[in-house]
Every structure is written in C-alpha cells, then in structure tokens.
N, C-alpha and C. Protein backbone atom coordinates (compact mmCIF):
# COMPACT_ATOMS: atom_id res chain seq x y z
N MET A 1 0.82 -1.20 0.00
CA MET A 1 0.00 0.00 0.00
C MET A 1 0.86 1.26 0.00
N GLU A 2 2.12 1.08 0.25
CA GLU A 2 3.02 2.22 0.34
C GLU A 2 3.34 2.81 -1.04
N ILE A 3 3.44 1.97 -2.07
CA ILE A 3 3.80 2.43 -3.41
C ILE A 3 2.69 3.28 -4.03
N PRO A 4 1.40 2.91 -3.98
CA PRO A 4 0.37 3.78 -4.55
C PRO A 4 0.29 5.15 -3.86
N GLU A 5 0.58 5.21 -2.59
CA GLU A 5 0.58 6.51 -1.89
C GLU A 5 1.71 7.39 -2.40
N LYS A 6 2.87 6.80 -2.65
CA LYS A 6 3.99 7.57 -3.19
C LYS A 6 3.70 8.01 -4.62
N LEU A 7 3.07 7.15 -5.40
CA LEU A 7 2.72 7.52 -6.77
C LEU A 7 1.63 8.58 -6.81
N HIS A 8 0.76 8.56 -5.84
CA HIS A 8 -0.31 9.55 -5.78
C HIS A 8 0.23 10.97 -5.61
N LYS A 9 1.40 11.11 -4.98
CA LYS A 9 2.01 12.44 -4.83
C LYS A 9 2.40 13.03 -6.18
N PHE A 10 2.72 12.15 -7.12
CA PHE A 10 3.23 12.61 -8.42
C PHE A 10 2.19 12.56 -9.53
N ILE A 11 0.92 12.44 -9.20
CA ILE A 11 -0.11 12.29 -10.21
C ILE A 11 -0.20 13.52 -11.12
N TYR A 12 -0.03 14.72 -10.58
CA TYR A 12 -0.11 15.93 -11.40
C TYR A 12 1.08 16.03 -12.34
N ARG A 13 2.23 15.58 -11.89
CA ARG A 13 3.40 15.60 -12.76
C ARG A 13 3.24 14.60 -13.90
N PHE A 14 2.68 13.43 -13.60
CA PHE A 14 2.43 12.45 -14.65
C PHE A 14 1.42 12.97 -15.66
N LEU A 15 0.35 13.57 -15.18
CA LEU A 15 -0.65 14.12 -16.09
C LEU A 15 -0.07 15.24 -16.95
N LEU A 16 0.75 16.07 -16.36
CA LEU A 16 1.39 17.15 -17.11
C LEU A 16 2.34 16.59 -18.17
N LEU A 17 3.07 15.55 -17.83
CA LEU A 17 3.97 14.91 -18.78
C LEU A 17 3.19 14.29 -19.94
N VAL A 18 2.09 13.63 -19.64
CA VAL A 18 1.26 13.03 -20.70
C VAL A 18 0.68 14.12 -21.58
N LEU A 19 0.18 15.18 -20.99
CA LEU A 19 -0.38 16.29 -21.77
C LEU A 19 0.68 16.94 -22.65
N PHE A 20 1.86 17.16 -22.10
CA PHE A 20 2.96 17.74 -22.88
C PHE A 20 3.36 16.82 -24.02
N SER A 21 3.45 15.53 -23.76
CA SER A 21 3.83 14.57 -24.80
C SER A 21 2.78 14.54 -25.91
N LEU A 22 1.51 14.55 -25.55
CA LEU A 22 0.46 14.56 -26.57
C LEU A 22 0.48 15.85 -27.39
N THR A 23 0.77 16.96 -26.75
CA THR A 23 0.86 18.23 -27.47
C THR A 23 2.01 18.21 -28.48
N ILE A 24 3.17 17.77 -28.05
CA ILE A 24 4.33 17.71 -28.96
C ILE A 24 4.05 16.72 -30.10
N PHE A 25 3.48 15.57 -29.78
CA PHE A 25 3.18 14.57 -30.80
C PHE A 25 2.18 15.12 -31.82
N SER A 26 1.15 15.82 -31.36
CA SER A 26 0.16 16.36 -32.30
C SER A 26 0.75 17.48 -33.14
N LEU A 27 1.64 18.27 -32.56
CA LEU A 27 2.28 19.32 -33.35
C LEU A 27 3.16 18.73 -34.44
N ILE A 28 3.85 17.66 -34.12
CA ILE A 28 4.70 17.01 -35.13
C ILE A 28 3.85 16.45 -36.26
N LEU A 29 2.71 15.89 -35.94
CA LEU A 29 1.88 15.29 -36.97
C LEU A 29 1.08 16.32 -37.77
N LEU A 30 0.67 17.41 -37.14
CA LEU A 30 -0.23 18.35 -37.80
C LEU A 30 0.48 19.49 -38.53
N THR A 31 1.68 19.83 -38.14
CA THR A 31 2.35 20.96 -38.78
C THR A 31 2.89 20.56 -40.15
N PRO A 32 2.94 21.52 -41.06
CA PRO A 32 3.48 21.21 -42.38
C PRO A 32 5.00 21.04 -42.32
N ARG A 33 5.53 20.36 -43.29
CA ARG A 33 6.96 20.12 -43.36
C ARG A 33 7.68 21.41 -43.76
N PHE A 34 8.99 21.47 -43.48
CA PHE A 34 9.77 22.67 -43.76
C PHE A 34 9.80 22.97 -45.26
N LEU A 35 9.93 21.96 -46.07
CA LEU A 35 9.96 22.20 -47.52
C LEU A 35 8.64 22.73 -48.04
N THR A 36 7.54 22.37 -47.42
CA THR A 36 6.24 22.91 -47.81
C THR A 36 6.18 24.40 -47.51
N ILE A 37 6.67 24.79 -46.35
CA ILE A 37 6.69 26.21 -45.99
C ILE A 37 7.64 26.97 -46.90
N LEU A 38 8.80 26.39 -47.18
CA LEU A 38 9.76 27.03 -48.07
C LEU A 38 9.19 27.18 -49.48
N ALA A 39 8.48 26.19 -49.96
CA ALA A 39 7.89 26.27 -51.30
C ALA A 39 6.81 27.34 -51.36
N TYR A 40 6.10 27.56 -50.27
CA TYR A 40 5.04 28.57 -50.25
C TYR A 40 5.62 29.99 -50.16
N PHE A 41 6.66 30.17 -49.37
CA PHE A 41 7.18 31.52 -49.10
C PHE A 41 8.42 31.88 -49.92
N TRP A 42 8.87 31.05 -50.85
CA TRP A 42 10.10 31.37 -51.55
C TRP A 42 10.05 32.71 -52.30
N PRO A 43 8.92 33.13 -52.89
CA PRO A 43 8.93 34.45 -53.53
C PRO A 43 9.17 35.58 -52.53
N LEU A 44 8.61 35.46 -51.34
CA LEU A 44 8.82 36.48 -50.32
C LEU A 44 10.27 36.51 -49.87
N PHE A 45 10.86 35.34 -49.65
CA PHE A 45 12.26 35.28 -49.25
C PHE A 45 13.17 35.86 -50.33
N LEU A 46 12.88 35.52 -51.58
CA LEU A 46 13.70 36.00 -52.68
C LEU A 46 13.59 37.51 -52.84
N SER A 47 12.38 38.05 -52.78
CA SER A 47 12.22 39.50 -52.95
C SER A 47 12.85 40.26 -51.79
N THR A 48 12.76 39.73 -50.59
CA THR A 48 13.40 40.38 -49.44
C THR A 48 14.91 40.37 -49.59
N ALA A 49 15.47 39.27 -50.04
CA ALA A 49 16.92 39.19 -50.24
C ALA A 49 17.37 40.16 -51.32
N LEU A 50 16.61 40.25 -52.41
CA LEU A 50 16.98 41.19 -53.47
C LEU A 50 16.87 42.64 -53.00
N PHE A 51 15.84 42.95 -52.24
CA PHE A 51 15.69 44.30 -51.72
C PHE A 51 16.86 44.67 -50.81
N LEU A 52 17.24 43.76 -49.92
CA LEU A 52 18.37 44.04 -49.04
C LEU A 52 19.68 44.19 -49.82
N ALA A 53 19.83 43.41 -50.88
CA ALA A 53 21.02 43.53 -51.71
C ALA A 53 21.06 44.90 -52.40
N VAL A 54 19.91 45.35 -52.90
CA VAL A 54 19.85 46.67 -53.54
C VAL A 54 20.15 47.77 -52.53
N VAL A 55 19.63 47.65 -51.34
CA VAL A 55 19.91 48.65 -50.30
C VAL A 55 21.40 48.69 -49.99
N LEU A 56 22.03 47.53 -49.87
CA LEU A 56 23.47 47.50 -49.60
C LEU A 56 24.27 48.11 -50.74
N VAL A 57 23.86 47.87 -51.98
CA VAL A 57 24.56 48.46 -53.12
C VAL A 57 24.42 49.98 -53.08
N PHE A 58 23.21 50.49 -52.80
CA PHE A 58 23.02 51.93 -52.73
C PHE A 58 23.82 52.55 -51.59
N VAL A 59 23.90 51.88 -50.47
CA VAL A 59 24.67 52.42 -49.34
C VAL A 59 26.14 52.48 -49.68
N LYS A 60 26.65 51.45 -50.34
CA LYS A 60 28.08 51.42 -50.69
C LYS A 60 28.43 52.42 -51.79
N THR A 61 27.51 52.67 -52.73
CA THR A 61 27.84 53.52 -53.88
C THR A 61 27.48 54.98 -53.69
N SER A 62 26.55 55.29 -52.79
CA SER A 62 26.16 56.68 -52.64
C SER A 62 27.13 57.39 -51.72
N SER A 63 27.34 58.67 -52.01
CA SER A 63 28.24 59.46 -51.17
C SER A 63 27.41 60.46 -50.37
N VAL A 64 27.76 60.60 -49.13
CA VAL A 64 27.07 61.52 -48.25
C VAL A 64 27.79 62.86 -48.31
N PRO A 65 27.07 63.96 -48.59
CA PRO A 65 27.74 65.25 -48.66
C PRO A 65 28.29 65.66 -47.29
N ALA A 66 29.45 66.27 -47.32
CA ALA A 66 30.08 66.72 -46.08
C ALA A 66 29.33 67.94 -45.55
N THR A 67 28.98 67.93 -44.29
CA THR A 67 28.27 69.04 -43.67
C THR A 67 28.98 69.41 -42.38
N ASP A 68 28.78 70.62 -41.98
CA ASP A 68 29.34 71.08 -40.72
C ASP A 68 28.44 70.58 -39.60
N ALA A 69 29.00 69.88 -38.65
CA ALA A 69 28.21 69.26 -37.59
C ALA A 69 27.57 70.30 -36.68
N SER A 70 28.17 71.47 -36.55
CA SER A 70 27.60 72.49 -35.66
C SER A 70 26.38 73.16 -36.27
N VAL A 71 26.25 73.12 -37.60
CA VAL A 71 25.14 73.78 -38.27
C VAL A 71 23.92 72.86 -38.34
N VAL A 72 24.14 71.58 -38.51
CA VAL A 72 23.05 70.63 -38.69
C VAL A 72 22.40 70.33 -37.35
N ASP A 73 21.06 70.47 -37.31
CA ASP A 73 20.32 70.14 -36.09
C ASP A 73 20.17 68.63 -36.00
N LYS A 74 19.87 68.19 -34.81
CA LYS A 74 19.57 66.77 -34.63
C LYS A 74 18.24 66.49 -35.33
N PRO A 75 18.07 65.30 -35.86
CA PRO A 75 16.81 64.98 -36.54
C PRO A 75 15.62 65.10 -35.59
N GLY A 76 14.61 65.80 -36.03
CA GLY A 76 13.39 65.93 -35.25
C GLY A 76 13.42 67.02 -34.21
N GLU A 77 14.53 67.73 -34.08
CA GLU A 77 14.62 68.76 -33.05
C GLU A 77 13.66 69.91 -33.32
N GLY A 78 13.51 70.30 -34.58
CA GLY A 78 12.58 71.37 -34.91
C GLY A 78 11.14 70.98 -34.62
N LEU A 79 10.79 69.73 -34.89
CA LEU A 79 9.45 69.25 -34.60
C LEU A 79 9.19 69.24 -33.10
N LEU A 80 10.18 68.82 -32.32
CA LEU A 80 10.02 68.83 -30.86
C LEU A 80 9.84 70.25 -30.33
N ASP A 81 10.57 71.21 -30.90
CA ASP A 81 10.41 72.60 -30.49
C ASP A 81 9.02 73.11 -30.82
N TYR A 82 8.51 72.73 -31.99
CA TYR A 82 7.18 73.16 -32.39
C TYR A 82 6.11 72.60 -31.46
N VAL A 83 6.23 71.32 -31.13
CA VAL A 83 5.26 70.68 -30.26
C VAL A 83 5.33 71.27 -28.86
N ALA A 84 6.53 71.60 -28.40
CA ALA A 84 6.70 72.17 -27.06
C ALA A 84 6.29 73.64 -27.01
N GLY A 85 6.06 74.26 -28.16
CA GLY A 85 5.62 75.64 -28.20
C GLY A 85 6.77 76.63 -28.09
N LEU A 86 7.99 76.19 -28.34
CA LEU A 86 9.14 77.07 -28.27
C LEU A 86 9.23 77.90 -29.56
N PRO A 87 9.72 79.13 -29.46
CA PRO A 87 9.86 79.93 -30.69
C PRO A 87 10.90 79.32 -31.62
N GLU A 88 10.73 79.61 -32.89
CA GLU A 88 11.67 79.06 -33.87
C GLU A 88 13.02 79.72 -33.71
N ARG A 89 14.07 78.91 -33.92
CA ARG A 89 15.42 79.45 -33.87
C ARG A 89 15.76 80.07 -35.21
N PRO A 90 16.50 81.16 -35.20
CA PRO A 90 16.89 81.74 -36.48
C PRO A 90 17.84 80.80 -37.23
N VAL A 91 17.67 80.77 -38.54
CA VAL A 91 18.51 79.94 -39.39
C VAL A 91 19.81 80.67 -39.64
N GLU A 92 20.91 79.99 -39.36
CA GLU A 92 22.23 80.59 -39.58
C GLU A 92 22.58 80.51 -41.04
N SER A 93 23.19 81.56 -41.56
CA SER A 93 23.57 81.54 -42.97
C SER A 93 24.89 80.80 -43.11
N HIS A 94 25.09 80.25 -44.29
CA HIS A 94 26.28 79.46 -44.58
C HIS A 94 27.26 80.23 -45.45
N LYS A 95 27.20 81.55 -45.42
CA LYS A 95 28.09 82.35 -46.27
C LYS A 95 29.48 82.40 -45.67
N SER A 96 30.45 82.25 -46.51
CA SER A 96 31.84 82.39 -46.03
C SER A 96 32.23 83.86 -46.11
N GLU A 97 32.86 84.31 -45.07
CA GLU A 97 33.22 85.74 -45.04
C GLU A 97 34.67 85.95 -45.23
C-alpha cells in the first residue's frame, strides 16, 4: 500500500507529462513540413533578399555630402520645439566671409 501513496504524490506531474507529450506529438503530426513552408514563401524570401542587396549596393555607392556638424540640427529637433511651443530658432547663414 506504500507504493500507490507515493505515486499519488506525483499524479499531477504524470498528467502534465502526458499532456505535454500529446501536445508535442500532435504538433509534429499536424504541422506542415519545412519544404512545404519554403515552397510557399520562396517568392517572399527571394524578394526580401533582393531588396536588401539593392539597399546594400546603394549604401556602398552613394556618397554623403560633407556638412558642418555644428550647423546641422539633430533629426526631429525642430518638430520637438514646435510641439513644445518654443519659438523658432533663427537659421544661420552658410556664407563664407
């Protein structure tokens, strides 16, 4: 009578293990195979790869114009000033004297 009492302590663990095993088994049987997914999404994968390749080519070939760091505002700073209700800052001229 001692063994069933010891097993009774672990009944929830056994049930959880059986439930987990059934879940994994059903997922293996019901999910589509990897090649099926690849065959369905290959146009998306290909177009994404081509787009990223084009972006990398444009980044490597385009030149960024040299600007003075003290003149250029941080991105969005003017919008933040507008939202905060601050007066506009005067635009500095870029004339060489």
